[in-house]
Amino acid sequence: MHEGDFGRAGTIVVSVRRTWSVESDLRFEIVERPAIGLVRVLQDLGDSPELLHLAENREAAERWLASNSYSRAYVEEVSADEVGADFIEGRTAA
């Protein structure tokens, strides 16, 4: 979980993230999946990307990214195919 970035004058010095063991008693629940057409701003962190921001459209995502500098960030639109696959494969949110 990304807890925050700390620095000065627009330069991030420390990025604080917290992880938990799969044996932890904590439980996380997906309450709602993003709707078709929304645009995610993601950061490549290896095996699984980190969600930085969820925007209404590509233009809003690009604006957010321009004012929030991340070196490995990219945008990705939520597609109908993705939402459909989640539903068919039983990955719908409660």
PDB file of N, CA and C in Angstrom:
ATOM      1  N   MET A   1       0.843  -1.150   0.000  1.00  0.00           N
ATOM      2  CA  MET A   1       0.000   0.000   0.000  1.00  0.00           C
ATOM      3  C   MET A   1       0.901   1.229   0.000  1.00  0.00           C
ATOM      4  N   HIS A   2       0.593   2.152  -0.893  1.00  0.00           N
ATOM      5  CA  HIS A   2       1.367   3.379  -0.978  1.00  0.00           C
ATOM      6  C   HIS A   2       0.847   4.343   0.071  1.00  0.00           C
ATOM      7  N   GLU A   3       1.681   4.695   1.029  1.00  0.00           N
ATOM      8  CA  GLU A   3       1.263   5.582   2.120  1.00  0.00           C
ATOM      9  C   GLU A   3       1.556   7.048   1.825  1.00  0.00           C
ATOM     10  N   GLY A   4       2.564   7.321   1.006  1.00  0.00           N
ATOM     11  CA  GLY A   4       2.838   8.712   0.684  1.00  0.00           C
ATOM     12  C   GLY A   4       4.237   8.926   0.153  1.00  0.00           C
ATOM     13  N   ASP A   5       4.412  10.100  -0.452  1.00  0.00           N
ATOM     14  CA  ASP A   5       5.705  10.532  -0.959  1.00  0.00           C
ATOM     15  C   ASP A   5       6.109  11.771  -0.174  1.00  0.00           C
ATOM     16  N   PHE A   6       7.376  11.835   0.159  1.00  0.00           N
ATOM     17  CA  PHE A   6       7.866  12.951   0.955  1.00  0.00           C
ATOM     18  C   PHE A   6       9.087  13.565   0.291  1.00  0.00           C
ATOM     19  N   GLY A   7       9.124  14.876   0.267  1.00  0.00           N
ATOM     20  CA  GLY A   7      10.239  15.587  -0.337  1.00  0.00           C
ATOM     21  C   GLY A   7      10.013  17.074  -0.230  1.00  0.00           C
ATOM     22  N   ARG A   8      10.667  17.796  -1.128  1.00  0.00           N
ATOM     23  CA  ARG A   8      10.592  19.252  -1.089  1.00  0.00           C
ATOM     24  C   ARG A   8      10.770  19.797  -2.497  1.00  0.00           C
ATOM     25  N   ALA A   9      10.075  20.880  -2.783  1.00  0.00           N
ATOM     26  CA  ALA A   9      10.192  21.598  -4.055  1.00  0.00           C
ATOM     27  C   ALA A   9       9.929  20.691  -5.254  1.00  0.00           C
ATOM     28  N   GLY A  10       8.948  19.817  -5.121  1.00  0.00           N
ATOM     29  CA  GLY A  10       8.572  18.953  -6.231  1.00  0.00           C
ATOM     30  C   GLY A  10       9.450  17.737  -6.447  1.00  0.00           C
ATOM     31  N   THR A  11      10.431  17.522  -5.589  1.00  0.00           N
ATOM     32  CA  THR A  11      11.319  16.366  -5.712  1.00  0.00           C
ATOM     33  C   THR A  11      10.993  15.369  -4.604  1.00  0.00           C
ATOM     34  N   ILE A  12      10.624  14.163  -5.019  1.00  0.00           N
ATOM     35  CA  ILE A  12      10.317  13.109  -4.052  1.00  0.00           C
ATOM     36  C   ILE A  12      11.628  12.511  -3.562  1.00  0.00           C
ATOM     37  N   VAL A  13      11.812  12.527  -2.249  1.00  0.00           N
ATOM     38  CA  VAL A  13      13.027  11.991  -1.642  1.00  0.00           C
ATOM     39  C   VAL A  13      12.770  10.580  -1.123  1.00  0.00           C
ATOM     40  N   VAL A  14      11.602  10.381  -0.514  1.00  0.00           N
ATOM     41  CA  VAL A  14      11.256   9.080   0.056  1.00  0.00           C
ATOM     42  C   VAL A  14       9.818   8.742  -0.338  1.00  0.00           C
ATOM     43  N   SER A  15       9.632   7.533  -0.814  1.00  0.00           N
ATOM     44  CA  SER A  15       8.301   7.024  -1.106  1.00  0.00           C
ATOM     45  C   SER A  15       8.032   5.896  -0.118  1.00  0.00           C
ATOM     46  N   VAL A  16       6.982   6.035   0.693  1.00  0.00           N
ATOM     47  CA  VAL A  16       6.710   5.058   1.744  1.00  0.00           C
ATOM     48  C   VAL A  16       5.624   4.095   1.284  1.00  0.00           C
ATOM     49  N   ARG A  17       5.954   2.810   1.323  1.00  0.00           N
ATOM     50  CA  ARG A  17       5.014   1.755   0.975  1.00  0.00           C
ATOM     51  C   ARG A  17       5.003   0.734   2.092  1.00  0.00           C
ATOM     52  N   ARG A  18       3.863   0.121   2.283  1.00  0.00           N
ATOM     53  CA  ARG A  18       3.726  -0.889   3.323  1.00  0.00           C
ATOM     54  C   ARG A  18       3.227  -2.174   2.675  1.00  0.00           C
ATOM     55  N   THR A  19       3.805  -3.273   3.059  1.00  0.00           N
ATOM     56  CA  THR A  19       3.361  -4.579   2.564  1.00  0.00           C
ATOM     57  C   THR A  19       3.030  -5.474   3.749  1.00  0.00           C
ATOM     58  N   TRP A  20       2.214  -6.466   3.501  1.00  0.00           N
ATOM     59  CA  TRP A  20       1.832  -7.418   4.535  1.00  0.00           C
ATOM     60  C   TRP A  20       2.008  -8.825   4.001  1.00  0.00           C
ATOM     61  N   SER A  21       2.272  -9.736   4.871  1.00  0.00           N
ATOM     62  CA  SER A  21       2.400 -11.147   4.531  1.00  0.00           C
ATOM     63  C   SER A  21       1.034 -11.695   4.125  1.00  0.00           C
ATOM     64  N   VAL A  22       1.019 -12.687   3.259  1.00  0.00           N
ATOM     65  CA  VAL A  22      -0.247 -13.333   2.899  1.00  0.00           C
ATOM     66  C   VAL A  22      -0.842 -14.052   4.103  1.00  0.00           C
ATOM     67  N   GLU A  23      -0.042 -14.253   5.138  1.00  0.00           N
ATOM     68  CA  GLU A  23      -0.525 -14.898   6.358  1.00  0.00           C
ATOM     69  C   GLU A  23      -1.123 -13.895   7.351  1.00  0.00           C
ATOM     70  N   SER A  24      -1.158 -12.623   6.975  1.00  0.00           N
ATOM     71  CA  SER A  24      -1.709 -11.571   7.827  1.00  0.00           C
ATOM     72  C   SER A  24      -3.210 -11.786   8.024  1.00  0.00           C
ATOM     73  N   ASP A  25      -3.728 -11.284   9.137  1.00  0.00           N
ATOM     74  CA  ASP A  25      -5.161 -11.346   9.411  1.00  0.00           C
ATOM     75  C   ASP A  25      -5.940 -10.260   8.665  1.00  0.00           C
ATOM     76  N   LEU A  26      -5.245  -9.342   8.018  1.00  0.00           N
ATOM     77  CA  LEU A  26      -5.918  -8.267   7.293  1.00  0.00           C
ATOM     78  C   LEU A  26      -6.671  -8.818   6.088  1.00  0.00           C
ATOM     79  N   ARG A  27      -7.811  -8.224   5.792  1.00  0.00           N
ATOM     80  CA  ARG A  27      -8.613  -8.613   4.635  1.00  0.00           C
ATOM     81  C   ARG A  27      -8.919  -7.350   3.834  1.00  0.00           C
ATOM     82  N   PHE A  28      -8.729  -7.432   2.528  1.00  0.00           N
ATOM     83  CA  PHE A  28      -9.022  -6.310   1.644  1.00  0.00           C
ATOM     84  C   PHE A  28     -10.169  -6.722   0.730  1.00  0.00           C
ATOM     85  N   GLU A  29     -11.043  -5.790   0.468  1.00  0.00           N
ATOM     86  CA  GLU A  29     -12.222  -6.071  -0.332  1.00  0.00           C
ATOM     87  C   GLU A  29     -12.329  -5.062  -1.466  1.00  0.00           C
ATOM     88  N   ILE A  30     -12.605  -5.556  -2.664  1.00  0.00           N
ATOM     89  CA  ILE A  30     -12.867  -4.675  -3.792  1.00  0.00           C
ATOM     90  C   ILE A  30     -14.343  -4.330  -3.734  1.00  0.00           C
ATOM     91  N   VAL A  31     -14.634  -3.063  -3.525  1.00  0.00           N
ATOM     92  CA  VAL A  31     -16.015  -2.627  -3.367  1.00  0.00           C
ATOM     93  C   VAL A  31     -16.651  -2.335  -4.719  1.00  0.00           C
ATOM     94  N   GLU A  32     -15.874  -1.767  -5.624  1.00  0.00           N
ATOM     95  CA  GLU A  32     -16.404  -1.403  -6.924  1.00  0.00           C
ATOM     96  C   GLU A  32     -15.285  -1.415  -7.957  1.00  0.00           C
ATOM     97  N   ARG A  33     -15.556  -2.004  -9.099  1.00  0.00           N
ATOM     98  CA  ARG A  33     -14.590  -1.980 -10.199  1.00  0.00           C
ATOM     99  C   ARG A  33     -14.756  -0.675 -10.972  1.00  0.00           C
ATOM    100  N   PRO A  34     -13.694  -0.181 -11.597  1.00  0.00           N
ATOM    101  CA  PRO A  34     -13.817   1.050 -12.384  1.00  0.00           C
ATOM    102  C   PRO A  34     -14.709   0.827 -13.612  1.00  0.00           C
ATOM    103  N   ALA A  35     -15.459   1.857 -13.964  1.00  0.00           N
ATOM    104  CA  ALA A  35     -16.385   1.784 -15.096  1.00  0.00           C
ATOM    105  C   ALA A  35     -15.632   1.879 -16.425  1.00  0.00           C
ATOM    106  N   ILE A  36     -16.267   1.367 -17.464  1.00  0.00           N
ATOM    107  CA  ILE A  36     -15.725   1.447 -18.825  1.00  0.00           C
ATOM    108  C   ILE A  36     -15.507   2.916 -19.181  1.00  0.00           C
ATOM    109  N   GLY A  37     -14.346   3.210 -19.762  1.00  0.00           N
ATOM    110  CA  GLY A  37     -14.025   4.568 -20.193  1.00  0.00           C
ATOM    111  C   GLY A  37     -13.183   5.353 -19.206  1.00  0.00           C
ATOM    112  N   LEU A  38     -13.183   4.954 -17.927  1.00  0.00           N
ATOM    113  CA  LEU A  38     -12.287   5.613 -16.986  1.00  0.00           C
ATOM    114  C   LEU A  38     -10.850   5.261 -17.362  1.00  0.00           C
ATOM    115  N   VAL A  39      -9.922   6.085 -16.951  1.00  0.00           N
ATOM    116  CA  VAL A  39      -8.518   5.878 -17.312  1.00  0.00           C
ATOM    117  C   VAL A  39      -7.678   5.792 -16.046  1.00  0.00           C
ATOM    118  N   ARG A  40      -6.933   4.696 -15.929  1.00  0.00           N
ATOM    119  CA  ARG A  40      -6.033   4.503 -14.791  1.00  0.00           C
ATOM    120  C   ARG A  40      -4.684   5.135 -15.098  1.00  0.00           C
ATOM    121  N   VAL A  41      -4.083   5.718 -14.072  1.00  0.00           N
ATOM    122  CA  VAL A  41      -2.679   6.107 -14.161  1.00  0.00           C
ATOM    123  C   VAL A  41      -1.957   5.091 -13.286  1.00  0.00           C
ATOM    124  N   LEU A  42      -1.089   4.311 -13.911  1.00  0.00           N
ATOM    125  CA  LEU A  42      -0.389   3.223 -13.236  1.00  0.00           C
ATOM    126  C   LEU A  42       1.106   3.475 -13.238  1.00  0.00           C
ATOM    127  N   GLN A  43       1.789   2.877 -12.283  1.00  0.00           N
ATOM    128  CA  GLN A  43       3.246   2.932 -12.240  1.00  0.00           C
ATOM    129  C   GLN A  43       3.767   1.507 -12.288  1.00  0.00           C
ATOM    130  N   ASP A  44       4.699   1.271 -13.185  1.00  0.00           N
ATOM    131  CA  ASP A  44       5.287  -0.059 -13.339  1.00  0.00           C
ATOM    132  C   ASP A  44       6.208  -0.351 -12.170  1.00  0.00           C
ATOM    133  N   LEU A  45       5.832  -1.382 -11.393  1.00  0.00           N
ATOM    134  CA  LEU A  45       6.658  -1.785 -10.251  1.00  0.00           C
ATOM    135  C   LEU A  45       7.045  -3.256 -10.347  1.00  0.00           C
ATOM    136  N   GLY A  46       7.207  -3.755 -11.554  1.00  0.00           N
ATOM    137  CA  GLY A  46       7.593  -5.153 -11.722  1.00  0.00           C
ATOM    138  C   GLY A  46       6.406  -6.018 -12.059  1.00  0.00           C
ATOM    139  N   ASP A  47       6.146  -7.019 -11.210  1.00  0.00           N
ATOM    140  CA  ASP A  47       5.089  -7.998 -11.490  1.00  0.00           C
ATOM    141  C   ASP A  47       3.688  -7.417 -11.477  1.00  0.00           C
ATOM    142  N   SER A  48       3.437  -6.445 -10.627  1.00  0.00           N
ATOM    143  CA  SER A  48       2.089  -5.872 -10.561  1.00  0.00           C
ATOM    144  C   SER A  48       2.171  -4.360 -10.459  1.00  0.00           C
ATOM    145  N   PRO A  49       1.481  -3.657 -11.349  1.00  0.00           N
ATOM    146  CA  PRO A  49       1.546  -2.197 -11.335  1.00  0.00           C
ATOM    147  C   PRO A  49       0.812  -1.609 -10.138  1.00  0.00           C
ATOM    148  N   GLU A  50       1.198  -0.398  -9.753  1.00  0.00           N
ATOM    149  CA  GLU A  50       0.556   0.322  -8.664  1.00  0.00           C
ATOM    150  C   GLU A  50      -0.394   1.359  -9.262  1.00  0.00           C
ATOM    151  N   LEU A  51      -1.638   1.374  -8.779  1.00  0.00           N
ATOM    152  CA  LEU A  51      -2.604   2.385  -9.212  1.00  0.00           C
ATOM    153  C   LEU A  51      -2.279   3.693  -8.507  1.00  0.00           C
ATOM    154  N   LEU A  52      -2.018   4.732  -9.300  1.00  0.00           N
ATOM    155  CA  LEU A  52      -1.706   6.044  -8.749  1.00  0.00           C
ATOM    156  C   LEU A  52      -2.931   6.949  -8.728  1.00  0.00           C
ATOM    157  N   HIS A  53      -3.756   6.838  -9.780  1.00  0.00           N
ATOM    158  CA  HIS A  53      -4.890   7.750  -9.924  1.00  0.00           C
ATOM    159  C   HIS A  53      -5.889   7.132 -10.889  1.00  0.00           C
ATOM    160  N   LEU A  54      -7.165   7.457 -10.709  1.00  0.00           N
ATOM    161  CA  LEU A  54      -8.219   7.029 -11.625  1.00  0.00           C
ATOM    162  C   LEU A  54      -8.910   8.281 -12.139  1.00  0.00           C
ATOM    163  N   ALA A  55      -8.870   8.485 -13.461  1.00  0.00           N
ATOM    164  CA  ALA A  55      -9.380   9.722 -14.055  1.00  0.00           C
ATOM    165  C   ALA A  55     -10.615   9.457 -14.913  1.00  0.00           C
ATOM    166  N   GLU A  56     -11.380  10.524 -15.158  1.00  0.00           N
ATOM    167  CA  GLU A  56     -12.603  10.428 -15.960  1.00  0.00           C
ATOM    168  C   GLU A  56     -12.321  10.091 -17.414  1.00  0.00           C
ATOM    169  N   ASN A  57     -11.193  10.566 -17.935  1.00  0.00           N
ATOM    170  CA  ASN A  57     -10.855  10.336 -19.347  1.00  0.00           C
ATOM    171  C   ASN A  57      -9.344  10.483 -19.524  1.00  0.00           C
ATOM    172  N   ARG A  58      -8.882  10.216 -20.746  1.00  0.00           N
ATOM    173  CA  ARG A  58      -7.442  10.250 -21.027  1.00  0.00           C
ATOM    174  C   ARG A  58      -6.853  11.649 -20.809  1.00  0.00           C
ATOM    175  N   GLU A  59      -7.579  12.664 -21.224  1.00  0.00           N
ATOM    176  CA  GLU A  59      -7.078  14.036 -21.052  1.00  0.00           C
ATOM    177  C   GLU A  59      -6.867  14.367 -19.570  1.00  0.00           C
ATOM    178  N   ALA A  60      -7.818  14.008 -18.732  1.00  0.00           N
ATOM    179  CA  ALA A  60      -7.692  14.255 -17.288  1.00  0.00           C
ATOM    180  C   ALA A  60      -6.538  13.444 -16.701  1.00  0.00           C
ATOM    181  N   ALA A  61      -6.357  12.218 -17.186  1.00  0.00           N
ATOM    182  CA  ALA A  61      -5.252  11.374 -16.714  1.00  0.00           C
ATOM    183  C   ALA A  61      -3.912  11.989 -17.093  1.00  0.00           C
ATOM    184  N   GLU A  62      -3.804  12.475 -18.313  1.00  0.00           N
ATOM    185  CA  GLU A  62      -2.561  13.107 -18.773  1.00  0.00           C
ATOM    186  C   GLU A  62      -2.266  14.381 -17.979  1.00  0.00           C
ATOM    187  N   ARG A  63      -3.316  15.163 -17.682  1.00  0.00           N
ATOM    188  CA  ARG A  63      -3.130  16.382 -16.867  1.00  0.00           C
ATOM    189  C   ARG A  63      -2.629  16.021 -15.474  1.00  0.00           C
ATOM    190  N   TRP A  64      -3.249  14.985 -14.869  1.00  0.00           N
ATOM    191  CA  TRP A  64      -2.826  14.570 -13.534  1.00  0.00           C
ATOM    192  C   TRP A  64      -1.367  14.123 -13.564  1.00  0.00           C
ATOM    193  N   LEU A  65      -1.023  13.341 -14.576  1.00  0.00           N
ATOM    194  CA  LEU A  65       0.339  12.823 -14.687  1.00  0.00           C
ATOM    195  C   LEU A  65       1.348  13.953 -14.907  1.00  0.00           C
ATOM    196  N   ALA A  66       0.959  14.975 -15.649  1.00  0.00           N
ATOM    197  CA  ALA A  66       1.857  16.113 -15.892  1.00  0.00           C
ATOM    198  C   ALA A  66       2.155  16.877 -14.603  1.00  0.00           C
ATOM    199  N   SER A  67       1.212  16.873 -13.672  1.00  0.00           N
ATOM    200  CA  SER A  67       1.437  17.608 -12.416  1.00  0.00           C
ATOM    201  C   SER A  67       1.894  16.705 -11.270  1.00  0.00           C
ATOM    202  N   ASN A  68       1.999  15.419 -11.526  1.00  0.00           N
ATOM    203  CA  ASN A  68       2.459  14.448 -10.520  1.00  0.00           C
ATOM    204  C   ASN A  68       3.496  13.551 -11.184  1.00  0.00           C
ATOM    205  N   SER A  69       4.731  13.919 -11.060  1.00  0.00           N
ATOM    206  CA  SER A  69       5.822  13.262 -11.785  1.00  0.00           C
ATOM    207  C   SER A  69       6.164  11.881 -11.215  1.00  0.00           C
ATOM    208  N   TYR A  70       5.999  10.860 -12.057  1.00  0.00           N
ATOM    209  CA  TYR A  70       6.413   9.492 -11.733  1.00  0.00           C
ATOM    210  C   TYR A  70       7.181   8.959 -12.933  1.00  0.00           C
ATOM    211  N   SER A  71       8.351   8.398 -12.704  1.00  0.00           N
ATOM    212  CA  SER A  71       9.231   8.022 -13.813  1.00  0.00           C
ATOM    213  C   SER A  71       8.730   6.828 -14.623  1.00  0.00           C
ATOM    214  N   ARG A  72       7.995   5.920 -14.018  1.00  0.00           N
ATOM    215  CA  ARG A  72       7.562   4.719 -14.746  1.00  0.00           C
ATOM    216  C   ARG A  72       6.040   4.661 -14.873  1.00  0.00           C
ATOM    217  N   ALA A  73       5.408   5.820 -14.944  1.00  0.00           N
ATOM    218  CA  ALA A  73       3.944   5.879 -15.000  1.00  0.00           C
ATOM    219  C   ALA A  73       3.446   5.799 -16.440  1.00  0.00           C
ATOM    220  N   TYR A  74       2.256   5.249 -16.581  1.00  0.00           N
ATOM    221  CA  TYR A  74       1.598   5.171 -17.883  1.00  0.00           C
ATOM    222  C   TYR A  74       0.090   5.173 -17.663  1.00  0.00           C
ATOM    223  N   VAL A  75      -0.658   5.449 -18.735  1.00  0.00           N
ATOM    224  CA  VAL A  75      -2.118   5.482 -18.639  1.00  0.00           C
ATOM    225  C   VAL A  75      -2.693   4.267 -19.345  1.00  0.00           C
ATOM    226  N   GLU A  76      -3.853   3.822 -18.853  1.00  0.00           N
ATOM    227  CA  GLU A  76      -4.511   2.637 -19.403  1.00  0.00           C
ATOM    228  C   GLU A  76      -6.016   2.807 -19.234  1.00  0.00           C
ATOM    229  N   GLU A  77      -6.744   2.749 -20.343  1.00  0.00           N
ATOM    230  CA  GLU A  77      -8.197   2.915 -20.296  1.00  0.00           C
ATOM    231  C   GLU A  77      -8.864   1.604 -19.881  1.00  0.00           C
ATOM    232  N   VAL A  78      -9.916   1.713 -19.082  1.00  0.00           N
ATOM    233  CA  VAL A  78     -10.712   0.550 -18.699  1.00  0.00           C
ATOM    234  C   VAL A  78     -11.593   0.218 -19.902  1.00  0.00           C
ATOM    235  N   SER A  79     -11.430  -0.987 -20.435  1.00  0.00           N
ATOM    236  CA  SER A  79     -12.139  -1.365 -21.656  1.00  0.00           C
ATOM    237  C   SER A  79     -13.332  -2.271 -21.369  1.00  0.00           C
ATOM    238  N   ALA A  80     -14.239  -2.327 -22.331  1.00  0.00           N
ATOM    239  CA  ALA A  80     -15.401  -3.215 -22.223  1.00  0.00           C
ATOM    240  C   ALA A  80     -14.946  -4.667 -22.172  1.00  0.00           C
ATOM    241  N   ASP A  81     -13.895  -5.006 -22.913  1.00  0.00           N
ATOM    242  CA  ASP A  81     -13.376  -6.384 -22.904  1.00  0.00           C
ATOM    243  C   ASP A  81     -12.913  -6.783 -21.508  1.00  0.00           C
ATOM    244  N   GLU A  82     -12.226  -5.880 -20.830  1.00  0.00           N
ATOM    245  CA  GLU A  82     -11.723  -6.156 -19.482  1.00  0.00           C
ATOM    246  C   GLU A  82     -12.872  -6.376 -18.502  1.00  0.00           C
ATOM    247  N   VAL A  83     -13.866  -5.489 -18.531  1.00  0.00           N
ATOM    248  CA  VAL A  83     -15.014  -5.603 -17.637  1.00  0.00           C
ATOM    249  C   VAL A  83     -15.778  -6.879 -17.921  1.00  0.00           C
ATOM    250  N   GLY A  84     -15.957  -7.195 -19.204  1.00  0.00           N
ATOM    251  CA  GLY A  84     -16.646  -8.424 -19.592  1.00  0.00           C
ATOM    252  C   GLY A  84     -15.909  -9.666 -19.139  1.00  0.00           C
ATOM    253  N   ALA A  85     -14.587  -9.677 -19.271  1.00  0.00           N
ATOM    254  CA  ALA A  85     -13.781 -10.827 -18.844  1.00  0.00           C
ATOM    255  C   ALA A  85     -13.879 -11.024 -17.341  1.00  0.00           C
ATOM    256  N   ASP A  86     -13.871  -9.937 -16.588  1.00  0.00           N
ATOM    257  CA  ASP A  86     -14.018 -10.040 -15.136  1.00  0.00           C
ATOM    258  C   ASP A  86     -15.345 -10.705 -14.785  1.00  0.00           C
ATOM    259  N   PHE A  87     -16.403 -10.301 -15.486  1.00  0.00           N
ATOM    260  CA  PHE A  87     -17.737 -10.849 -15.201  1.00  0.00           C
ATOM    261  C   PHE A  87     -17.796 -12.330 -15.568  1.00  0.00           C
ATOM    262  N   ILE A  88     -17.317 -12.669 -16.763  1.00  0.00           N
ATOM    263  CA  ILE A  88     -17.360 -14.055 -17.237  1.00  0.00           C
ATOM    264  C   ILE A  88     -16.517 -14.974 -16.378  1.00  0.00           C
ATOM    265  N   GLU A  89     -15.373 -14.483 -15.937  1.00  0.00           N
ATOM    266  CA  GLU A  89     -14.458 -15.316 -15.125  1.00  0.00           C
ATOM    267  C   GLU A  89     -14.799 -15.263 -13.640  1.00  0.00           C
ATOM    268  N   GLY A  90     -15.879 -14.593 -13.288  1.00  0.00           N
ATOM    269  CA  GLY A  90     -16.316 -14.576 -11.890  1.00  0.00           C
ATOM    270  C   GLY A  90     -15.531 -13.644 -11.000  1.00  0.00           C
ATOM    271  N   ARG A  91     -14.933 -12.576 -11.573  1.00  0.00           N
ATOM    272  CA  ARG A  91     -14.139 -11.660 -10.769  1.00  0.00           C
ATOM    273  C   ARG A  91     -14.879 -10.366 -10.509  1.00  0.00           C
ATOM    274  N   THR A  92     -16.195 -10.398 -10.503  1.00  0.00           N
ATOM    275  CA  THR A  92     -16.953  -9.163 -10.284  1.00  0.00           C
ATOM    276  C   THR A  92     -16.898  -8.761  -8.819  1.00  0.00           C
ATOM    277  N   ALA A  93     -16.979  -7.475  -8.590  1.00  0.00           N
ATOM    278  CA  ALA A  93     -16.968  -6.964  -7.219  1.00  0.00           C
ATOM    279  C   ALA A  93     -18.304  -7.258  -6.563  1.00  0.00           C
ATOM    280  N   ALA A  94     -18.270  -7.380  -5.244  1.00  0.00           N
ATOM    281  CA  ALA A  94     -19.498  -7.677  -4.489  1.00  0.00           C
ATOM    282  C   ALA A  94     -20.463  -6.533  -4.551  1.00  0.00           C
TER     283      ALA A  94
END
